[in-house]
């Protein structure tokens, strides 16, 4: 999944059928300080643009034992004592860019130049600014441990309780997931649902395409990722 994509979600069956391992689930930001007022809480859950929407893969379900280890220098995940085979993980490195005063890491294909990237657009100025900010640590490679505040987030050992799920992003080098905020409560999932179909894809950070069209009327269509339209997700 890439930033700027839109999906079709099943918001009905999660109320009756628990999520399964391997499913891709959409849910609201787990650590958001939701209001105790029921009306405001309803607004925050369904309407507010201040609440970030997360999309992650279900790794563990209630009762599972999930472990993260480093083996031969690479992060691996164990589920109930068995090492997971994860062919869905992002195989591309992430390159840092400083855009509009914000630092982020995006998938980068080393086989293409900056201006010909298939996923995201980079400029040499954005990359240069990020390189100064990150002190030359501007590339994250797949299969390498992730550190946050001097903590190795790929090492964990969790027994999931009732109604708890372990969620992880396929883009492990740039994902905020259960490694950071712990197990996800089931009631957070019911507010959104199962992701089942990719409708369209575009290199855009805007909530609505019309804003991108107004900002970039000349090269708008070149930002569309035509090969990623109308796809069933697994």
C-alpha atoms as a PDB file:
ATOM      1  CA  UNK A   1       0.000   0.000   0.000  1.00  0.00           C
ATOM      2  CA  UNK A   2       1.167   3.503  -0.847  1.00  0.00           C
ATOM      3  CA  UNK A   3       0.262   6.971   0.400  1.00  0.00           C
ATOM      4  CA  UNK A   4      -2.437   8.459  -1.819  1.00  0.00           C
ATOM      5  CA  UNK A   5      -4.360   5.242  -2.460  1.00  0.00           C
ATOM      6  CA  UNK A   6      -8.081   4.766  -1.890  1.00  0.00           C
ATOM      7  CA  UNK A   7      -9.708   1.486  -0.924  1.00  0.00           C
ATOM      8  CA  UNK A   8     -13.029  -0.266  -0.600  1.00  0.00           C
ATOM      9  CA  UNK A   9     -13.586  -1.470   2.965  1.00  0.00           C
ATOM     10  CA  UNK A  10     -16.064  -3.960   4.397  1.00  0.00           C
ATOM     11  CA  UNK A  11     -17.457  -2.089   7.407  1.00  0.00           C
ATOM     12  CA  UNK A  12     -20.289  -4.496   8.155  1.00  0.00           C
ATOM     13  CA  UNK A  13     -18.879  -7.960   8.887  1.00  0.00           C
ATOM     14  CA  UNK A  14     -16.292  -6.840  11.513  1.00  0.00           C
ATOM     15  CA  UNK A  15     -19.241  -6.344  13.882  1.00  0.00           C
ATOM     16  CA  UNK A  16     -20.050 -10.067  13.618  1.00  0.00           C
ATOM     17  CA  UNK A  17     -16.957 -11.886  12.320  1.00  0.00           C
ATOM     18  CA  UNK A  18     -13.636 -11.360  14.143  1.00  0.00           C
ATOM     19  CA  UNK A  19     -10.607 -10.398  12.038  1.00  0.00           C
ATOM     20  CA  UNK A  20      -8.433 -13.255  10.814  1.00  0.00           C
ATOM     21  CA  UNK A  21      -4.662 -13.486  10.653  1.00  0.00           C
ATOM     22  CA  UNK A  22      -3.331 -11.974   7.451  1.00  0.00           C
ATOM     23  CA  UNK A  23      -6.294  -9.674   6.816  1.00  0.00           C
ATOM     24  CA  UNK A  24      -5.707  -5.981   6.161  1.00  0.00           C
ATOM     25  CA  UNK A  25      -7.692  -3.839   8.570  1.00  0.00           C
ATOM     26  CA  UNK A  26      -8.510  -0.132   8.714  1.00  0.00           C
ATOM     27  CA  UNK A  27      -8.935   1.570  12.093  1.00  0.00           C
ATOM     28  CA  UNK A  28      -8.586   4.899  13.854  1.00  0.00           C
ATOM     29  CA  UNK A  29      -5.392   6.102  15.500  1.00  0.00           C
ATOM     30  CA  UNK A  30      -5.094   3.932  18.658  1.00  0.00           C
ATOM     31  CA  UNK A  31      -3.425   6.527  20.875  1.00  0.00           C
ATOM     32  CA  UNK A  32      -5.710   9.441  20.057  1.00  0.00           C
ATOM     33  CA  UNK A  33      -7.177  11.002  23.259  1.00  0.00           C
ATOM     34  CA  UNK A  34     -10.823  10.329  22.446  1.00  0.00           C
ATOM     35  CA  UNK A  35     -13.417  12.332  24.356  1.00  0.00           C
ATOM     36  CA  UNK A  36     -15.553  10.680  27.035  1.00  0.00           C
ATOM     37  CA  UNK A  37     -18.509  12.703  25.791  1.00  0.00           C
ATOM     38  CA  UNK A  38     -20.425  10.271  23.574  1.00  0.00           C
ATOM     39  CA  UNK A  39     -21.404  12.875  20.988  1.00  0.00           C
ATOM     40  CA  UNK A  40     -17.897  14.285  20.617  1.00  0.00           C
ATOM     41  CA  UNK A  41     -16.485  10.773  20.650  1.00  0.00           C
ATOM     42  CA  UNK A  42     -18.788   9.835  17.780  1.00  0.00           C
ATOM     43  CA  UNK A  43     -17.583  12.870  15.846  1.00  0.00           C
ATOM     44  CA  UNK A  44     -13.943  11.952  16.469  1.00  0.00           C
ATOM     45  CA  UNK A  45     -14.429   8.348  15.406  1.00  0.00           C
ATOM     46  CA  UNK A  46     -16.310   8.990  12.175  1.00  0.00           C
ATOM     47  CA  UNK A  47     -15.895  12.606  11.047  1.00  0.00           C
ATOM     48  CA  UNK A  48     -12.886  14.471  12.435  1.00  0.00           C
ATOM     49  CA  UNK A  49      -9.905  14.945  10.115  1.00  0.00           C
ATOM     50  CA  UNK A  50      -7.685  15.333  13.176  1.00  0.00           C
ATOM     51  CA  UNK A  51      -7.796  11.571  13.769  1.00  0.00           C
ATOM     52  CA  UNK A  52      -5.353   9.620  11.611  1.00  0.00           C
ATOM     53  CA  UNK A  53      -6.650   6.488   9.882  1.00  0.00           C
ATOM     54  CA  UNK A  54      -4.315   3.473  10.060  1.00  0.00           C
ATOM     55  CA  UNK A  55      -4.217   0.478   7.719  1.00  0.00           C
ATOM     56  CA  UNK A  56      -2.304  -2.573   8.999  1.00  0.00           C
ATOM     57  CA  UNK A  57      -2.152  -6.344   8.637  1.00  0.00           C
ATOM     58  CA  UNK A  58      -3.414  -8.679  11.372  1.00  0.00           C
ATOM     59  CA  UNK A  59      -0.458 -10.718  12.642  1.00  0.00           C
ATOM     60  CA  UNK A  60      -1.874 -12.087  15.895  1.00  0.00           C
ATOM     61  CA  UNK A  61      -5.400 -12.664  17.182  1.00  0.00           C
ATOM     62  CA  UNK A  62      -6.714 -13.125  20.760  1.00  0.00           C
ATOM     63  CA  UNK A  63      -4.843 -15.885  22.575  1.00  0.00           C
ATOM     64  CA  UNK A  64      -1.810 -15.805  20.268  1.00  0.00           C
ATOM     65  CA  UNK A  65       1.787 -15.571  21.432  1.00  0.00           C
ATOM     66  CA  UNK A  66       3.656 -13.106  19.188  1.00  0.00           C
ATOM     67  CA  UNK A  67       7.418 -12.627  19.346  1.00  0.00           C
ATOM     68  CA  UNK A  68       9.803 -10.374  17.493  1.00  0.00           C
ATOM     69  CA  UNK A  69      13.451 -11.408  17.288  1.00  0.00           C
ATOM     70  CA  UNK A  70      16.652 -10.507  15.478  1.00  0.00           C
ATOM     71  CA  UNK A  71      18.201 -13.491  13.697  1.00  0.00           C
ATOM     72  CA  UNK A  72      21.364 -13.132  11.605  1.00  0.00           C
ATOM     73  CA  UNK A  73      20.917  -9.370  11.837  1.00  0.00           C
ATOM     74  CA  UNK A  74      17.372  -9.440  10.426  1.00  0.00           C
ATOM     75  CA  UNK A  75      14.018  -8.920  12.192  1.00  0.00           C
ATOM     76  CA  UNK A  76      11.727 -11.961  12.210  1.00  0.00           C
ATOM     77  CA  UNK A  77       8.301 -12.609  13.721  1.00  0.00           C
ATOM     78  CA  UNK A  78       7.245 -15.781  15.504  1.00  0.00           C
ATOM     79  CA  UNK A  79       3.593 -16.716  15.941  1.00  0.00           C
ATOM     80  CA  UNK A  80       2.859 -19.377  18.562  1.00  0.00           C
ATOM     81  CA  UNK A  81       6.427 -20.637  18.284  1.00  0.00           C
ATOM     82  CA  UNK A  82       6.629 -20.788  14.483  1.00  0.00           C
ATOM     83  CA  UNK A  83       8.528 -18.288  12.350  1.00  0.00           C
ATOM     84  CA  UNK A  84       6.277 -16.437   9.933  1.00  0.00           C
ATOM     85  CA  UNK A  85       6.886 -16.402   6.203  1.00  0.00           C
ATOM     86  CA  UNK A  86       5.996 -12.850   5.155  1.00  0.00           C
ATOM     87  CA  UNK A  87       6.109 -12.490   1.349  1.00  0.00           C
ATOM     88  CA  UNK A  88       3.952  -9.351   1.538  1.00  0.00           C
ATOM     89  CA  UNK A  89       6.689  -7.186   3.128  1.00  0.00           C
ATOM     90  CA  UNK A  90       7.928  -4.136   1.223  1.00  0.00           C
ATOM     91  CA  UNK A  91      11.115  -5.148  -0.594  1.00  0.00           C
ATOM     92  CA  UNK A  92      12.208  -1.617  -1.466  1.00  0.00           C
ATOM     93  CA  UNK A  93      14.416   0.669   0.643  1.00  0.00           C
ATOM     94  CA  UNK A  94      12.991   3.899   2.028  1.00  0.00           C
ATOM     95  CA  UNK A  95      14.554   7.232   1.124  1.00  0.00           C
ATOM     96  CA  UNK A  96      14.162  10.292   3.350  1.00  0.00           C
ATOM     97  CA  UNK A  97      12.905  13.576   1.954  1.00  0.00           C
ATOM     98  CA  UNK A  98      12.161  16.927   3.553  1.00  0.00           C
ATOM     99  CA  UNK A  99       8.996  18.239   1.914  1.00  0.00           C
ATOM    100  CA  UNK A 100       7.035  21.276   3.096  1.00  0.00           C
ATOM    101  CA  UNK A 101       9.052  21.262   6.320  1.00  0.00           C
ATOM    102  CA  UNK A 102       8.136  17.650   7.065  1.00  0.00           C
ATOM    103  CA  UNK A 103      10.540  14.703   7.124  1.00  0.00           C
ATOM    104  CA  UNK A 104       9.233  11.393   5.817  1.00  0.00           C
ATOM    105  CA  UNK A 105      10.558   8.152   4.363  1.00  0.00           C
ATOM    106  CA  UNK A 106       9.089   6.796   1.133  1.00  0.00           C
ATOM    107  CA  UNK A 107       9.687   3.675  -0.972  1.00  0.00           C
ATOM    108  CA  UNK A 108      12.528   4.148  -3.446  1.00  0.00           C
ATOM    109  CA  UNK A 109      13.491   1.972  -6.434  1.00  0.00           C
ATOM    110  CA  UNK A 110      17.299   2.139  -6.914  1.00  0.00           C
ATOM    111  CA  UNK A 111      16.861   1.125 -10.565  1.00  0.00           C
ATOM    112  CA  UNK A 112      15.345   4.514 -11.419  1.00  0.00           C
ATOM    113  CA  UNK A 113      16.525   8.104 -11.096  1.00  0.00           C
ATOM    114  CA  UNK A 114      14.873  10.482  -8.629  1.00  0.00           C
ATOM    115  CA  UNK A 115      12.598  12.038 -11.253  1.00  0.00           C
ATOM    116  CA  UNK A 116      11.519   8.658 -12.671  1.00  0.00           C
ATOM    117  CA  UNK A 117      10.502   6.883  -9.477  1.00  0.00           C
ATOM    118  CA  UNK A 118       7.443   4.586  -9.870  1.00  0.00           C
ATOM    119  CA  UNK A 119       5.984   5.146  -6.387  1.00  0.00           C
ATOM    120  CA  UNK A 120       6.725   8.663  -5.153  1.00  0.00           C
ATOM    121  CA  UNK A 121       8.292  11.759  -6.634  1.00  0.00           C
ATOM    122  CA  UNK A 122      11.514  13.033  -5.152  1.00  0.00           C
ATOM    123  CA  UNK A 123      13.510  16.154  -5.888  1.00  0.00           C
ATOM    124  CA  UNK A 124      17.243  16.472  -5.300  1.00  0.00           C
ATOM    125  CA  UNK A 125      16.571  19.458  -3.022  1.00  0.00           C
ATOM    126  CA  UNK A 126      14.143  17.468  -0.834  1.00  0.00           C
ATOM    127  CA  UNK A 127      16.617  14.602  -0.516  1.00  0.00           C
ATOM    128  CA  UNK A 128      19.536  16.942   0.213  1.00  0.00           C
ATOM    129  CA  UNK A 129      17.614  18.714   2.996  1.00  0.00           C
ATOM    130  CA  UNK A 130      16.650  15.373   4.549  1.00  0.00           C
ATOM    131  CA  UNK A 131      20.238  14.165   4.369  1.00  0.00           C
ATOM    132  CA  UNK A 132      21.394  17.148   6.404  1.00  0.00           C
ATOM    133  CA  UNK A 133      18.648  16.579   8.968  1.00  0.00           C
ATOM    134  CA  UNK A 134      19.255  12.832   9.305  1.00  0.00           C
ATOM    135  CA  UNK A 135      23.053  13.198   9.362  1.00  0.00           C
ATOM    136  CA  UNK A 136      23.456  11.063   6.246  1.00  0.00           C
ATOM    137  CA  UNK A 137      21.235   8.272   7.680  1.00  0.00           C
ATOM    138  CA  UNK A 138      18.696   8.964   4.967  1.00  0.00           C
ATOM    139  CA  UNK A 139      18.132   5.422   3.687  1.00  0.00           C
ATOM    140  CA  UNK A 140      16.376   2.556   5.448  1.00  0.00           C
ATOM    141  CA  UNK A 141      16.867  -0.906   4.000  1.00  0.00           C
ATOM    142  CA  UNK A 142      14.433  -3.844   4.187  1.00  0.00           C
ATOM    143  CA  UNK A 143      15.460  -6.617   6.524  1.00  0.00           C
ATOM    144  CA  UNK A 144      17.290  -4.317   8.935  1.00  0.00           C
ATOM    145  CA  UNK A 145      16.270  -3.567  12.557  1.00  0.00           C
ATOM    146  CA  UNK A 146      14.274  -0.433  13.321  1.00  0.00           C
ATOM    147  CA  UNK A 147      15.228   1.836  16.212  1.00  0.00           C
ATOM    148  CA  UNK A 148      13.054   4.451  17.912  1.00  0.00           C
ATOM    149  CA  UNK A 149      14.527   6.572  20.680  1.00  0.00           C
ATOM    150  CA  UNK A 150      17.398   4.087  21.076  1.00  0.00           C
ATOM    151  CA  UNK A 151      14.921   1.203  21.413  1.00  0.00           C
ATOM    152  CA  UNK A 152      14.948  -1.774  19.055  1.00  0.00           C
ATOM    153  CA  UNK A 153      11.248  -2.008  18.233  1.00  0.00           C
ATOM    154  CA  UNK A 154      11.562  -5.326  16.388  1.00  0.00           C
ATOM    155  CA  UNK A 155      12.169  -7.172  19.665  1.00  0.00           C
ATOM    156  CA  UNK A 156       8.952  -7.976  21.551  1.00  0.00           C
ATOM    157  CA  UNK A 157       7.223 -10.836  23.352  1.00  0.00           C
ATOM    158  CA  UNK A 158       3.454 -10.522  23.762  1.00  0.00           C
ATOM    159  CA  UNK A 159       0.661 -12.869  24.846  1.00  0.00           C
ATOM    160  CA  UNK A 160      -2.552 -11.401  23.439  1.00  0.00           C
ATOM    161  CA  UNK A 161      -5.533 -11.231  25.751  1.00  0.00           C
ATOM    162  CA  UNK A 162      -9.239 -11.369  24.908  1.00  0.00           C
ATOM    163  CA  UNK A 163     -10.196  -8.908  22.160  1.00  0.00           C
ATOM    164  CA  UNK A 164      -6.563  -7.975  21.472  1.00  0.00           C
ATOM    165  CA  UNK A 165      -4.878  -8.004  18.068  1.00  0.00           C
ATOM    166  CA  UNK A 166      -1.263  -7.568  17.007  1.00  0.00           C
ATOM    167  CA  UNK A 167      -1.114  -5.306  13.958  1.00  0.00           C
ATOM    168  CA  UNK A 168       1.920  -4.644  11.765  1.00  0.00           C
ATOM    169  CA  UNK A 169       2.443  -2.722   8.542  1.00  0.00           C
ATOM    170  CA  UNK A 170       3.890  -4.364   5.442  1.00  0.00           C
ATOM    171  CA  UNK A 171       6.270  -1.416   5.184  1.00  0.00           C
ATOM    172  CA  UNK A 172       8.132  -2.361   8.359  1.00  0.00           C
ATOM    173  CA  UNK A 173      10.826   0.309   8.001  1.00  0.00           C
ATOM    174  CA  UNK A 174       8.285   3.118   8.102  1.00  0.00           C
ATOM    175  CA  UNK A 175       5.276   1.721   9.943  1.00  0.00           C
ATOM    176  CA  UNK A 176       3.727   2.923  13.183  1.00  0.00           C
ATOM    177  CA  UNK A 177       2.127  -0.270  14.449  1.00  0.00           C
ATOM    178  CA  UNK A 178       1.815  -2.604  17.454  1.00  0.00           C
ATOM    179  CA  UNK A 179       5.594  -2.561  17.882  1.00  0.00           C
ATOM    180  CA  UNK A 180       5.123   1.073  18.910  1.00  0.00           C
ATOM    181  CA  UNK A 181       1.695   1.263  20.567  1.00  0.00           C
ATOM    182  CA  UNK A 182       1.066  -2.345  21.605  1.00  0.00           C
ATOM    183  CA  UNK A 183      -1.966  -4.604  21.004  1.00  0.00           C
ATOM    184  CA  UNK A 184      -5.048  -3.131  19.357  1.00  0.00           C
ATOM    185  CA  UNK A 185      -8.424  -3.475  21.074  1.00  0.00           C
ATOM    186  CA  UNK A 186     -11.145  -5.059  18.948  1.00  0.00           C
ATOM    187  CA  UNK A 187     -13.538  -2.144  19.439  1.00  0.00           C
ATOM    188  CA  UNK A 188     -11.162   0.113  17.489  1.00  0.00           C
ATOM    189  CA  UNK A 189     -11.555  -2.108  14.418  1.00  0.00           C
ATOM    190  CA  UNK A 190     -15.351  -1.954  14.329  1.00  0.00           C
ATOM    191  CA  UNK A 191     -15.244   1.758  13.555  1.00  0.00           C
ATOM    192  CA  UNK A 192     -13.761   1.032  10.127  1.00  0.00           C
ATOM    193  CA  UNK A 193     -13.307  -2.422   8.613  1.00  0.00           C
ATOM    194  CA  UNK A 194     -11.586  -4.909   6.345  1.00  0.00           C
ATOM    195  CA  UNK A 195      -9.724  -3.548   3.329  1.00  0.00           C
ATOM    196  CA  UNK A 196     -10.657  -5.710   0.356  1.00  0.00           C
ATOM    197  CA  UNK A 197     -10.121  -3.723  -2.859  1.00  0.00           C
ATOM    198  CA  UNK A 198      -7.831  -0.960  -4.160  1.00  0.00           C
ATOM    199  CA  UNK A 199      -9.877   1.555  -6.154  1.00  0.00           C
ATOM    200  CA  UNK A 200      -7.207   3.989  -7.292  1.00  0.00           C
ATOM    201  CA  UNK A 201      -3.699   5.201  -6.561  1.00  0.00           C
ATOM    202  CA  UNK A 202      -1.994   8.572  -6.865  1.00  0.00           C
ATOM    203  CA  UNK A 203       1.200  10.163  -5.572  1.00  0.00           C
ATOM    204  CA  UNK A 204      -0.562  12.705  -3.388  1.00  0.00           C
ATOM    205  CA  UNK A 205      -0.724  13.639   0.288  1.00  0.00           C
ATOM    206  CA  UNK A 206      -4.036  15.451  -0.173  1.00  0.00           C
ATOM    207  CA  UNK A 207      -7.271  14.106   1.284  1.00  0.00           C
ATOM    208  CA  UNK A 208      -9.103  14.947  -1.958  1.00  0.00           C
ATOM    209  CA  UNK A 209      -7.667  14.823  -5.477  1.00  0.00           C
ATOM    210  CA  UNK A 210      -9.249  18.149  -6.385  1.00  0.00           C
ATOM    211  CA  UNK A 211      -6.758  19.905  -4.102  1.00  0.00           C
ATOM    212  CA  UNK A 212      -3.860  18.285  -5.940  1.00  0.00           C
ATOM    213  CA  UNK A 213      -5.372  19.241  -9.287  1.00  0.00           C
ATOM    214  CA  UNK A 214      -5.574  22.867  -8.190  1.00  0.00           C
ATOM    215  CA  UNK A 215      -1.979  22.855  -6.938  1.00  0.00           C
ATOM    216  CA  UNK A 216      -0.474  20.903  -9.855  1.00  0.00           C
ATOM    217  CA  UNK A 217      -2.740  21.363 -12.900  1.00  0.00           C
ATOM    218  CA  UNK A 218       0.032  20.731 -15.431  1.00  0.00           C
ATOM    219  CA  UNK A 219       1.490  17.451 -14.188  1.00  0.00           C
ATOM    220  CA  UNK A 220      -1.563  16.187 -12.313  1.00  0.00           C
ATOM    221  CA  UNK A 221      -2.152  13.124 -14.490  1.00  0.00           C
ATOM    222  CA  UNK A 222       1.498  12.109 -14.396  1.00  0.00           C
ATOM    223  CA  UNK A 223       1.073  11.610 -10.645  1.00  0.00           C
ATOM    224  CA  UNK A 224      -1.537   8.901 -11.138  1.00  0.00           C
ATOM    225  CA  UNK A 225      -0.272   5.324 -10.627  1.00  0.00           C
ATOM    226  CA  UNK A 226      -2.338   3.739 -13.376  1.00  0.00           C
ATOM    227  CA  UNK A 227      -0.996   0.216 -12.811  1.00  0.00           C
ATOM    228  CA  UNK A 228      -2.421   0.158  -9.268  1.00  0.00           C
ATOM    229  CA  UNK A 229      -6.103   0.704 -10.116  1.00  0.00           C
ATOM    230  CA  UNK A 230      -8.894  -1.815  -9.365  1.00  0.00           C
ATOM    231  CA  UNK A 231      -6.996  -4.554  -7.536  1.00  0.00           C
ATOM    232  CA  UNK A 232      -8.117  -7.130  -4.978  1.00  0.00           C
ATOM    233  CA  UNK A 233      -5.853  -7.083  -1.918  1.00  0.00           C
ATOM    234  CA  UNK A 234      -4.427 -10.126  -0.172  1.00  0.00           C
END
